[in-house]
Amino acid sequence: MVAALAMIVLVGSASPRAAAERDTEVTFSKHIAPILQRSCENCHRPQGGAPMALISYDDVRPWARSIRNRTASREMPPWFIDKNIGVQEYKDDPSLSDHEIELIGAWVDAGAPRGNPSDLPAPIQWPADGWTYGTPDLIVPSPEGTIEAEAADWFGEWGETPTGMSRDRYIKAVEVREVRTWEDTAATVADEGRAALGLFVVHHAVIGADKLENTLKPLDCGNETTCANDDRKFWLVHELGQNATIYPDEVGVTLPADSVITFNSMHLHSMGREVRARLDVGFTFHPEGYEPKYHLGATGFGSVTQYDFEFDIPSNDSDVMRDGFHRLTQPTKLLTFEPHLHSSGKRMCFEALYPNNAREILSCADYDHNWAKVYVYADHAAPLLPAGTIVHVMAWYDNSVTNKNVVDPRNWKGWGNRSIDDMFSAISRMVYMTQEQFDAEVAERGGSFAFATSQDQQ
């Protein structure tokens, strides 16, 4: 009888401790699944762009250690904004906090427990066709091309495809997907001596809209302020690993009636197996009757782009810096920050040099040639730059054995279209404003900016 009472006491006293341990245990259902939903499922799902789904526990458990390692090194999710400098508010930011990375590490170290299925969040209903922004209103496919398993980079045009549009429409969002219509998955190529560019075959494409009778020619920014011939008409540089482009509600970009989508300035590279592929361009439109406040302006700082023989990246050097300057002649709001380098590129920053001699870092991001990301500023954080501002663009390069994307660091690198060459391009979507519009937006945000003089702030 005494023994039985002792057992009851022991069980009763252990139960609260066990409950507390269960509450503090990191589990897939309660802690990890919400992180994956927010930051990983966008690509890691059926019909997504990643090679495996990370939705259910059974999906995720075999990859637990890899997930811990890739998130701890911040390789995944691919988002490379410097969290210690410049603007920190961007749309669709999937990056993980230090706490979330610690949770993933603790979960894996504990054996990756499943936990209580009732703790799982409601599943996300992703479009079954693989689009991330949602099923588009219009999908325009490019012509197809075949890329050999091992070949030199290819440059040229893929032609054009009619949109079938009978009237002009304003674009809310556009997403470009690389579609493999055939792939030799059995092909193997030795990795030794090859750049780590095995995720996509289309490095970039200049995609634009024009009337059927007037095909767009490849654009040359030169020293012009804008790369676009008509800032009201759709024009986009698609790059490998790029996220969907969502225009702010106040910015109008037109897809004209009776138009074609052109696929110019294509850059393709081999990925170790023969592939036949195309690009699908998905458009989501504003409702009919929508009228924008602004029209999209430039898509790049053409005057800082280096095309000539002065662009020289020495061999076996892990920290090469190059920079350039662009002067804005009218009030401007930056919508995006988009570094465009090549395989040895490792980092880019934008700095604003204001007319009152103040200076401010706007954005910095590391660069991986497999993921040419577009960072879209939150509407209330989009940099406002007065006329006369000089945008200072800085880029750093790693042409050494420490960069997995470099084929042979014994070679110097100059400007060129091939991935093994390099580039220095500052791509940024922006809108040009009247002084009245600029002043009104400054006032709406409280009027405290680095470019304002002390008298302005009084």
Protein backbone atom coordinates (compact mmCIF):
# COMPACT_ATOMS: atom_id res chain seq x y z
CA MET A 1 0.00 0.00 0.00
CA VAL A 2 2.83 2.39 0.91
CA ALA A 3 4.63 1.47 -2.32
CA ALA A 4 1.48 2.14 -4.31
CA LEU A 5 1.06 5.57 -2.68
CA ALA A 6 4.72 6.35 -3.37
CA MET A 7 4.23 5.52 -7.04
CA ILE A 8 1.21 7.82 -7.20
CA VAL A 9 3.20 10.65 -5.62
CA LEU A 10 6.12 10.14 -8.01
CA VAL A 11 3.90 10.07 -11.07
CA GLY A 12 1.98 13.11 -9.90
CA SER A 13 5.14 15.11 -9.23
CA ALA A 14 6.75 14.14 -12.57
CA SER A 15 3.76 15.12 -14.67
CA PRO A 16 4.16 18.93 -14.39
CA ARG A 17 7.88 18.65 -15.21
CA ALA A 18 7.16 16.53 -18.26
CA ALA A 19 4.52 18.99 -19.38
CA ALA A 20 6.97 21.87 -18.99
CA GLU A 21 9.61 20.00 -21.03
CA ARG A 22 7.07 19.36 -23.76
CA ASP A 23 6.18 23.04 -23.82
CA THR A 24 9.82 24.08 -24.27
CA GLU A 25 10.72 21.37 -26.78
CA VAL A 26 11.22 22.68 -30.32
CA THR A 27 9.06 20.67 -32.71
CA PHE A 28 8.30 20.66 -36.39
CA SER A 29 4.57 21.18 -35.93
CA LYS A 30 4.75 24.13 -33.55
CA HIS A 31 7.97 25.95 -34.45
CA ILE A 32 9.52 24.84 -37.74
CA ALA A 33 6.49 24.52 -40.03
CA PRO A 34 5.52 28.24 -39.65
CA ILE A 35 9.09 29.26 -40.58
CA LEU A 36 9.06 27.05 -43.66
CA GLN A 37 5.67 28.39 -44.71
CA ARG A 38 6.84 31.99 -44.59
CA SER A 39 10.33 31.63 -45.99
CA CYS A 40 10.70 28.37 -47.92
CA GLU A 41 7.46 27.02 -49.38
CA ASN A 42 7.36 29.76 -52.00
CA CYS A 43 9.94 27.70 -53.92
CA HIS A 44 10.02 24.37 -52.05
CA ARG A 45 6.62 22.99 -53.08
CA PRO A 46 5.11 20.98 -55.93
CA GLN A 47 5.55 22.94 -59.18
CA GLY A 48 7.86 25.36 -57.36
CA GLY A 49 11.31 26.34 -58.50
CA ALA A 50 13.24 24.26 -55.96
CA PRO A 51 14.23 20.59 -56.39
CA MET A 52 12.27 19.32 -53.39
CA ALA A 53 9.12 20.16 -51.42
CA LEU A 54 9.43 21.25 -47.77
CA ILE A 55 5.81 21.20 -46.67
CA SER A 56 5.00 18.10 -44.62
CA TYR A 57 7.10 16.55 -41.87
CA ASP A 58 7.84 13.60 -44.14
CA ASP A 59 9.07 16.05 -46.80
CA VAL A 60 11.33 17.89 -44.40
CA ARG A 61 12.78 15.22 -42.09
CA PRO A 62 15.33 13.77 -44.60
CA TRP A 63 16.70 17.28 -45.22
CA ALA A 64 16.87 18.41 -41.58
CA ARG A 65 20.68 18.65 -41.32
CA SER A 66 20.99 20.31 -44.68
CA ILE A 67 18.33 22.86 -43.71
CA ARG A 68 20.21 23.61 -40.49
CA ASN A 69 23.52 24.07 -42.31
CA ARG A 70 22.17 26.16 -45.19
CA THR A 71 20.13 28.45 -42.95
CA ALA A 72 22.95 28.86 -40.41
CA SER A 73 25.25 30.04 -43.23
CA ARG A 74 22.41 32.23 -44.59
CA GLU A 75 22.68 30.59 -48.00
CA MET A 76 18.97 29.86 -47.71
CA PRO A 77 16.58 31.42 -48.21
CA PRO A 78 18.42 33.41 -50.91
CA TRP A 79 18.21 36.95 -49.52
CA PHE A 80 21.46 38.80 -49.15
CA ILE A 81 20.59 42.28 -47.85
CA ASP A 82 23.04 43.53 -45.20
CA LYS A 83 20.97 43.69 -42.01
CA ASN A 84 23.30 46.16 -40.32
CA ILE A 85 23.24 49.10 -42.72
CA GLY A 86 20.84 51.04 -44.94
CA VAL A 87 17.11 50.50 -45.50
CA GLN A 88 15.82 47.42 -43.71
CA GLU A 89 12.20 47.32 -44.89
CA TYR A 90 11.53 45.44 -48.12
CA LYS A 91 8.53 43.72 -49.59
CA ASP A 92 8.36 39.92 -49.53
CA ASP A 93 11.45 39.57 -47.35
CA PRO A 94 11.85 35.82 -46.63
CA SER A 95 15.03 36.14 -44.56
CA LEU A 96 15.27 34.45 -41.18
CA SER A 97 15.88 36.15 -37.86
CA ASP A 98 18.70 34.99 -35.61
CA HIS A 99 16.06 33.48 -33.32
CA GLU A 100 14.51 31.47 -36.17
CA ILE A 101 17.91 30.12 -37.18
CA GLU A 102 18.54 29.13 -33.56
CA LEU A 103 15.17 27.33 -33.44
CA ILE A 104 16.04 25.30 -36.54
CA GLY A 105 19.42 24.38 -35.06
CA ALA A 106 17.88 23.34 -31.72
CA TRP A 107 15.23 21.27 -33.51
CA VAL A 108 17.81 19.36 -35.56
CA ASP A 109 20.11 18.85 -32.57
CA ALA A 110 17.16 17.35 -30.63
CA GLY A 111 16.57 14.78 -33.36
CA ALA A 112 14.05 16.75 -35.41
CA PRO A 113 10.93 15.75 -33.42
CA ARG A 114 7.56 15.92 -35.17
CA GLY A 115 5.53 17.23 -32.22
CA ASN A 116 1.77 17.35 -31.94
CA PRO A 117 0.07 17.51 -35.39
CA SER A 118 -2.63 19.71 -33.87
CA ASP A 119 0.01 22.46 -33.54
CA LEU A 120 0.48 22.65 -37.31
CA PRO A 121 -0.55 25.94 -38.96
CA ALA A 122 -3.24 25.85 -41.64
CA PRO A 123 -1.66 24.84 -44.96
CA ILE A 124 -1.03 27.49 -47.62
CA GLN A 125 -3.09 27.00 -50.76
CA TRP A 126 -0.44 27.58 -53.42
CA PRO A 127 -1.44 27.86 -57.08
CA ALA A 128 -1.31 24.38 -58.54
CA ASP A 129 0.42 25.68 -61.68
CA GLY A 130 3.57 26.78 -59.85
CA TRP A 131 3.23 30.58 -59.97
CA THR A 132 4.22 32.35 -56.76
CA TYR A 133 2.25 35.61 -57.00
CA GLY A 134 -0.90 33.82 -58.10
CA THR A 135 -2.23 32.49 -61.39
CA PRO A 136 -1.64 35.31 -63.90
CA ASP A 137 -4.34 36.96 -65.99
CA LEU A 138 -2.19 36.47 -69.10
CA ILE A 139 0.73 34.12 -69.81
CA VAL A 140 2.98 34.83 -72.79
CA PRO A 141 5.53 32.10 -73.61
CA SER A 142 8.81 32.77 -75.38
CA PRO A 143 10.04 30.67 -78.28
CA GLU A 144 12.03 27.64 -77.11
CA GLY A 145 15.78 27.09 -77.24
CA THR A 146 18.10 24.13 -76.70
CA ILE A 147 21.14 24.52 -74.46
CA GLU A 148 23.84 21.87 -74.74
CA ALA A 149 25.29 20.18 -71.66
CA GLU A 150 28.73 21.68 -72.24
CA ALA A 151 29.04 24.71 -74.48
CA ALA A 152 30.15 28.30 -74.58
CA ASP A 153 27.67 30.90 -73.33
CA TRP A 154 25.09 31.88 -75.96
CA PHE A 155 23.91 35.41 -76.68
CA GLY A 156 21.19 36.57 -79.03
CA GLU A 157 17.44 36.91 -79.46
CA TRP A 158 14.66 34.41 -78.92
CA GLY A 159 12.23 36.36 -81.08
CA GLU A 160 8.77 37.56 -80.09
CA THR A 161 5.32 36.32 -79.15
CA PRO A 162 2.00 38.19 -79.74
CA THR A 163 0.10 39.05 -76.55
CA GLY A 164 -3.37 38.87 -78.11
CA MET A 165 -4.32 42.02 -76.16
CA SER A 166 -7.17 44.01 -77.70
CA ARG A 167 -6.80 47.02 -75.36
CA ASP A 168 -4.16 48.64 -73.17
CA ARG A 169 -3.92 47.36 -69.59
CA TYR A 170 -1.94 48.50 -66.58
CA ILE A 171 0.27 45.81 -65.05
CA LYS A 172 0.07 45.09 -61.31
CA ALA A 173 2.66 42.30 -61.26
CA VAL A 174 4.77 40.27 -63.65
CA GLU A 175 6.51 36.97 -62.98
CA VAL A 176 8.92 35.16 -65.30
CA ARG A 177 9.43 31.41 -65.04
CA GLU A 178 12.05 29.27 -66.73
CA VAL A 179 10.23 26.19 -68.02
CA ARG A 180 12.15 23.05 -68.99
CA THR A 181 10.24 21.36 -71.79
CA TRP A 182 12.88 18.64 -72.01
CA GLU A 183 15.84 17.80 -69.80
CA ASP A 184 18.50 15.10 -70.03
CA THR A 185 18.55 14.24 -66.34
CA ALA A 186 20.83 11.25 -66.99
CA ALA A 187 23.64 13.44 -68.34
CA THR A 188 26.60 13.97 -66.05
CA VAL A 189 29.46 16.41 -66.29
CA ALA A 190 32.50 16.59 -64.05
CA ASP A 191 32.24 19.49 -61.64
CA GLU A 192 35.98 20.08 -61.59
CA GLY A 193 36.81 23.40 -63.18
CA ARG A 194 33.19 24.43 -63.75
CA ALA A 195 31.43 27.40 -62.22
CA ALA A 196 28.63 26.57 -59.81
CA LEU A 197 25.86 27.68 -62.15
CA GLY A 198 23.61 24.64 -62.17
CA LEU A 199 20.21 26.04 -61.20
CA PHE A 200 19.07 27.84 -64.37
CA VAL A 201 20.07 28.00 -68.04
CA VAL A 202 18.79 31.54 -68.68
CA HIS A 203 21.15 33.98 -66.99
CA HIS A 204 19.21 37.02 -68.18
CA ALA A 205 16.82 38.25 -70.83
CA VAL A 206 15.62 41.72 -71.78
CA ILE A 207 11.84 41.35 -72.07
CA GLY A 208 9.75 44.17 -73.50
CA ALA A 209 6.47 45.04 -75.16
CA ASP A 210 6.07 46.75 -78.49
CA LYS A 211 3.56 47.14 -81.28
CA LEU A 212 3.42 44.33 -83.81
CA GLU A 213 4.78 46.55 -86.56
CA ASN A 214 7.72 47.90 -84.53
CA THR A 215 9.87 45.22 -82.90
CA LEU A 216 12.08 46.47 -80.07
CA LYS A 217 15.79 46.32 -80.73
CA PRO A 218 18.29 45.53 -77.95
CA LEU A 219 18.73 48.63 -75.82
CA ASP A 220 22.01 50.38 -75.13
CA CYS A 221 21.91 52.51 -71.98
CA GLY A 222 25.16 54.29 -72.80
CA ASN A 223 25.30 57.48 -70.74
CA GLU A 224 21.57 58.09 -70.84
CA THR A 225 19.53 58.49 -67.67
CA THR A 226 17.17 55.68 -68.60
CA CYS A 227 17.47 52.39 -70.44
CA ALA A 228 13.83 52.44 -71.54
CA ASN A 229 12.62 54.03 -74.77
CA ASP A 230 9.15 54.64 -73.34
CA ASP A 231 8.77 54.69 -69.58
CA ARG A 232 5.05 54.01 -69.81
CA LYS A 233 5.51 50.71 -71.63
CA PHE A 234 6.45 47.34 -70.12
CA TRP A 235 10.18 46.63 -70.08
CA LEU A 236 12.00 44.25 -67.75
CA VAL A 237 15.39 42.65 -67.27
CA HIS A 238 14.79 39.09 -66.09
CA GLU A 239 17.69 37.42 -64.29
CA LEU A 240 18.27 33.94 -62.94
CA GLY A 241 16.62 33.26 -59.59
CA GLN A 242 14.60 36.47 -59.78
CA ASN A 243 11.48 36.93 -57.69
CA ALA A 244 8.18 38.26 -59.04
CA THR A 245 8.00 41.98 -59.87
CA ILE A 246 5.12 43.71 -58.04
CA TYR A 247 4.72 47.35 -58.96
CA PRO A 248 3.53 49.77 -56.26
CA ASP A 249 -0.16 50.57 -56.59
CA GLU A 250 0.60 54.18 -57.54
CA VAL A 251 2.97 53.26 -60.41
CA GLY A 252 1.57 52.55 -63.86
CA VAL A 253 3.25 50.27 -66.43
CA THR A 254 1.35 49.59 -69.64
CA LEU A 255 0.99 46.44 -71.70
CA PRO A 256 -0.25 47.90 -75.00
CA ALA A 257 -2.97 46.50 -77.23
CA ASP A 258 -1.90 44.73 -80.43
CA SER A 259 1.57 44.18 -79.00
CA VAL A 260 4.24 41.51 -78.95
CA ILE A 261 6.51 40.48 -76.10
CA THR A 262 10.12 40.51 -77.31
CA PHE A 263 12.93 38.41 -75.89
CA ASN A 264 16.17 40.23 -76.62
CA SER A 265 19.74 40.33 -75.30
CA MET A 266 19.43 36.73 -74.12
CA HIS A 267 22.32 35.21 -72.18
CA LEU A 268 22.20 31.42 -71.79
CA HIS A 269 24.76 29.13 -70.20
CA SER A 270 25.16 25.37 -69.92
CA MET A 271 24.34 23.62 -66.66
CA GLY A 272 25.88 20.16 -67.13
CA ARG A 273 23.03 18.48 -69.00
CA GLU A 274 21.21 19.20 -72.22
CA VAL A 275 18.05 21.24 -71.71
CA ARG A 276 15.30 22.56 -73.92
CA ALA A 277 13.63 25.53 -72.27
CA ARG A 278 11.50 28.64 -72.64
CA LEU A 279 10.46 31.59 -70.52
CA ASP A 280 6.83 32.07 -69.52
CA VAL A 281 5.89 35.67 -68.70
CA GLY A 282 2.85 35.94 -66.43
CA PHE A 283 0.99 39.27 -66.18
CA THR A 284 -1.47 40.24 -63.46
CA PHE A 285 -3.43 43.40 -64.30
CA HIS A 286 -4.99 46.23 -62.33
CA PRO A 287 -8.79 46.44 -62.66
CA GLU A 288 -10.04 48.32 -65.71
CA GLY A 289 -10.41 52.01 -64.96
CA TYR A 290 -7.29 52.12 -62.80
CA GLU A 291 -5.26 55.34 -63.20
CA PRO A 292 -1.71 55.62 -61.80
CA LYS A 293 -0.19 58.54 -59.95
CA TYR A 294 3.27 57.93 -61.45
CA HIS A 295 4.73 56.20 -64.47
CA LEU A 296 7.81 54.03 -64.19
CA GLY A 297 11.01 55.90 -64.99
CA ALA A 298 14.50 54.52 -65.46
CA THR A 299 15.48 50.90 -64.95
CA GLY A 300 19.15 51.51 -64.33
CA PHE A 301 21.93 54.00 -63.74
CA GLY A 302 23.39 53.79 -67.22
CA SER A 303 26.22 56.24 -66.60
CA VAL A 304 27.89 54.04 -63.96
CA THR A 305 27.94 50.93 -66.13
CA GLN A 306 31.47 50.07 -67.24
CA TYR A 307 31.81 48.64 -70.74
CA ASP A 308 35.39 49.47 -71.61
CA PHE A 309 38.88 48.14 -71.04
CA GLU A 310 39.26 50.13 -67.82
CA PHE A 311 37.12 47.47 -66.09
CA ASP A 312 39.82 45.13 -64.80
CA ILE A 313 39.46 42.47 -62.08
CA PRO A 314 42.95 41.12 -61.24
CA SER A 315 43.62 37.41 -60.83
CA ASN A 316 43.78 35.72 -57.43
CA ASP A 317 42.34 38.73 -55.62
CA SER A 318 39.46 38.27 -53.18
CA ASP A 319 38.66 41.93 -52.46
CA VAL A 320 38.53 44.15 -55.55
CA MET A 321 36.40 47.29 -55.37
CA ARG A 322 35.03 49.29 -58.31
CA ASP A 323 32.65 52.26 -58.18
CA GLY A 324 30.81 54.82 -60.28
CA PHE A 325 28.55 57.86 -59.93
CA HIS A 326 25.24 58.97 -61.41
CA ARG A 327 23.66 62.43 -60.96
CA LEU A 328 19.88 62.71 -60.76
CA THR A 329 18.52 65.77 -62.56
CA GLN A 330 15.03 65.62 -61.06
CA PRO A 331 13.38 64.42 -57.82
CA THR A 332 13.32 60.66 -57.80
CA LYS A 333 11.91 57.80 -55.74
CA LEU A 334 13.81 54.50 -55.88
CA LEU A 335 11.53 51.48 -55.97
CA THR A 336 14.10 48.67 -56.07
CA PHE A 337 17.72 47.81 -55.41
CA GLU A 338 19.18 45.23 -57.79
CA PRO A 339 22.89 44.40 -58.00
CA HIS A 340 23.95 42.97 -61.37
CA LEU A 341 27.44 41.49 -61.43
CA HIS A 342 28.81 38.22 -62.79
CA SER A 343 30.45 35.14 -61.35
CA SER A 344 33.19 36.90 -59.37
CA GLY A 345 30.83 39.54 -57.95
CA LYS A 346 30.34 39.40 -54.19
CA ARG A 347 28.70 42.65 -53.00
CA MET A 348 27.11 45.94 -54.10
CA CYS A 349 26.05 49.10 -52.24
CA PHE A 350 24.12 52.25 -53.18
CA GLU A 351 25.09 55.48 -51.44
CA ALA A 352 23.32 58.84 -51.79
CA LEU A 353 25.45 62.00 -51.87
CA TYR A 354 22.94 64.81 -51.28
CA PRO A 355 23.15 68.43 -52.49
CA ASN A 356 23.66 69.63 -48.89
CA ASN A 357 26.83 67.44 -48.67
CA ALA A 358 25.16 64.85 -46.44
CA ARG A 359 25.68 61.23 -47.43
CA GLU A 360 23.73 58.11 -46.63
CA ILE A 361 24.05 54.40 -47.44
CA LEU A 362 20.77 53.31 -49.02
CA SER A 363 21.27 49.56 -49.44
CA CYS A 364 24.00 46.93 -49.42
CA ALA A 365 23.70 43.28 -50.39
CA ASP A 366 25.99 40.35 -50.94
CA TYR A 367 25.82 38.81 -54.42
CA ASP A 368 25.61 35.21 -55.63
CA HIS A 369 25.60 34.70 -59.38
CA ASN A 370 23.01 31.91 -59.02
CA TRP A 371 20.50 34.33 -57.44
CA ALA A 372 20.18 37.78 -59.03
CA LYS A 373 17.61 39.07 -56.56
CA VAL A 374 15.49 42.21 -56.83
CA TYR A 375 14.96 43.94 -53.48
CA VAL A 376 11.73 45.97 -53.52
CA TYR A 377 11.56 48.74 -50.94
CA ALA A 378 8.50 48.92 -48.71
CA ASP A 379 6.33 51.81 -49.91
CA HIS A 380 7.01 53.97 -46.85
CA ALA A 381 10.75 53.20 -46.95
CA ALA A 382 11.47 53.75 -50.66
CA PRO A 383 14.36 56.27 -50.80
CA LEU A 384 13.37 59.81 -51.81
CA LEU A 385 16.22 61.57 -53.60
CA PRO A 386 16.10 65.31 -54.40
CA ALA A 387 17.29 66.70 -57.72
CA GLY A 388 21.06 67.01 -57.73
CA THR A 389 21.62 63.86 -55.66
CA ILE A 390 24.60 61.79 -56.80
CA VAL A 391 24.09 58.05 -56.50
CA HIS A 392 27.40 56.38 -55.65
CA VAL A 393 27.42 52.72 -56.73
CA MET A 394 30.09 50.47 -55.22
CA ALA A 395 30.80 46.84 -56.08
CA TRP A 396 33.26 44.27 -54.73
CA TYR A 397 34.62 41.20 -56.52
CA ASP A 398 36.20 37.93 -55.38
CA ASN A 399 38.28 36.46 -58.21
CA SER A 400 39.96 33.83 -56.05
CA VAL A 401 39.68 30.18 -55.06
CA THR A 402 37.35 31.18 -52.21
CA ASN A 403 34.57 31.96 -54.71
CA LYS A 404 32.89 28.76 -55.89
CA ASN A 405 31.45 30.54 -58.95
CA VAL A 406 34.87 31.39 -60.42
CA VAL A 407 36.17 28.88 -62.98
CA ASP A 408 39.85 29.78 -62.90
CA PRO A 409 41.08 32.55 -60.58
CA ARG A 410 44.45 32.60 -62.39
CA ASN A 411 42.76 34.66 -65.14
CA TRP A 412 42.11 38.39 -64.92
CA LYS A 413 38.56 39.39 -65.78
CA GLY A 414 37.28 42.29 -67.81
CA TRP A 415 33.83 43.43 -68.90
CA GLY A 416 31.97 40.86 -71.01
CA ASN A 417 28.70 39.04 -71.57
CA ARG A 418 29.93 35.60 -70.54
CA SER A 419 29.41 34.46 -66.96
CA ILE A 420 33.18 33.96 -66.67
CA ASP A 421 33.65 37.63 -67.61
CA ASP A 422 32.23 40.28 -65.35
CA MET A 423 29.90 43.25 -65.21
CA PHE A 424 29.19 46.29 -63.08
CA SER A 425 25.56 47.33 -63.57
CA ALA A 426 23.32 49.15 -61.12
CA ILE A 427 19.73 48.23 -61.96
CA SER A 428 16.99 50.07 -60.12
CA ARG A 429 13.40 50.81 -60.99
CA MET A 430 12.43 54.35 -60.09
CA VAL A 431 9.86 57.07 -60.67
CA TYR A 432 10.58 60.68 -61.52
CA MET A 433 8.53 63.21 -59.61
CA THR A 434 7.63 66.85 -59.89
CA GLN A 435 8.98 69.04 -57.11
CA GLU A 436 5.44 69.41 -55.81
CA GLN A 437 4.96 65.62 -55.66
CA PHE A 438 8.33 65.19 -54.01
CA ASP A 439 7.65 67.82 -51.35
CA ALA A 440 4.24 66.32 -50.62
CA GLU A 441 5.69 62.82 -50.09
CA VAL A 442 8.47 64.18 -47.88
CA ALA A 443 5.83 65.91 -45.77
CA GLU A 444 3.73 62.73 -45.57
CA ARG A 445 6.71 60.86 -44.13
CA GLY A 446 7.38 63.48 -41.47
CA GLY A 447 9.96 65.61 -43.27
CA SER A 448 13.05 64.34 -41.41
CA PHE A 449 15.57 63.30 -44.06
CA ALA A 450 19.34 63.49 -44.38
CA PHE A 451 19.02 65.65 -47.51
CA ALA A 452 17.01 68.34 -45.67
CA THR A 453 18.96 71.31 -44.32
CA SER A 454 18.63 72.24 -40.66
CA GLN A 455 16.48 75.19 -41.72
CA ASP A 456 14.19 72.84 -43.65
CA GLN A 457 13.72 70.69 -40.55
CA GLN A 458 12.84 73.58 -38.21
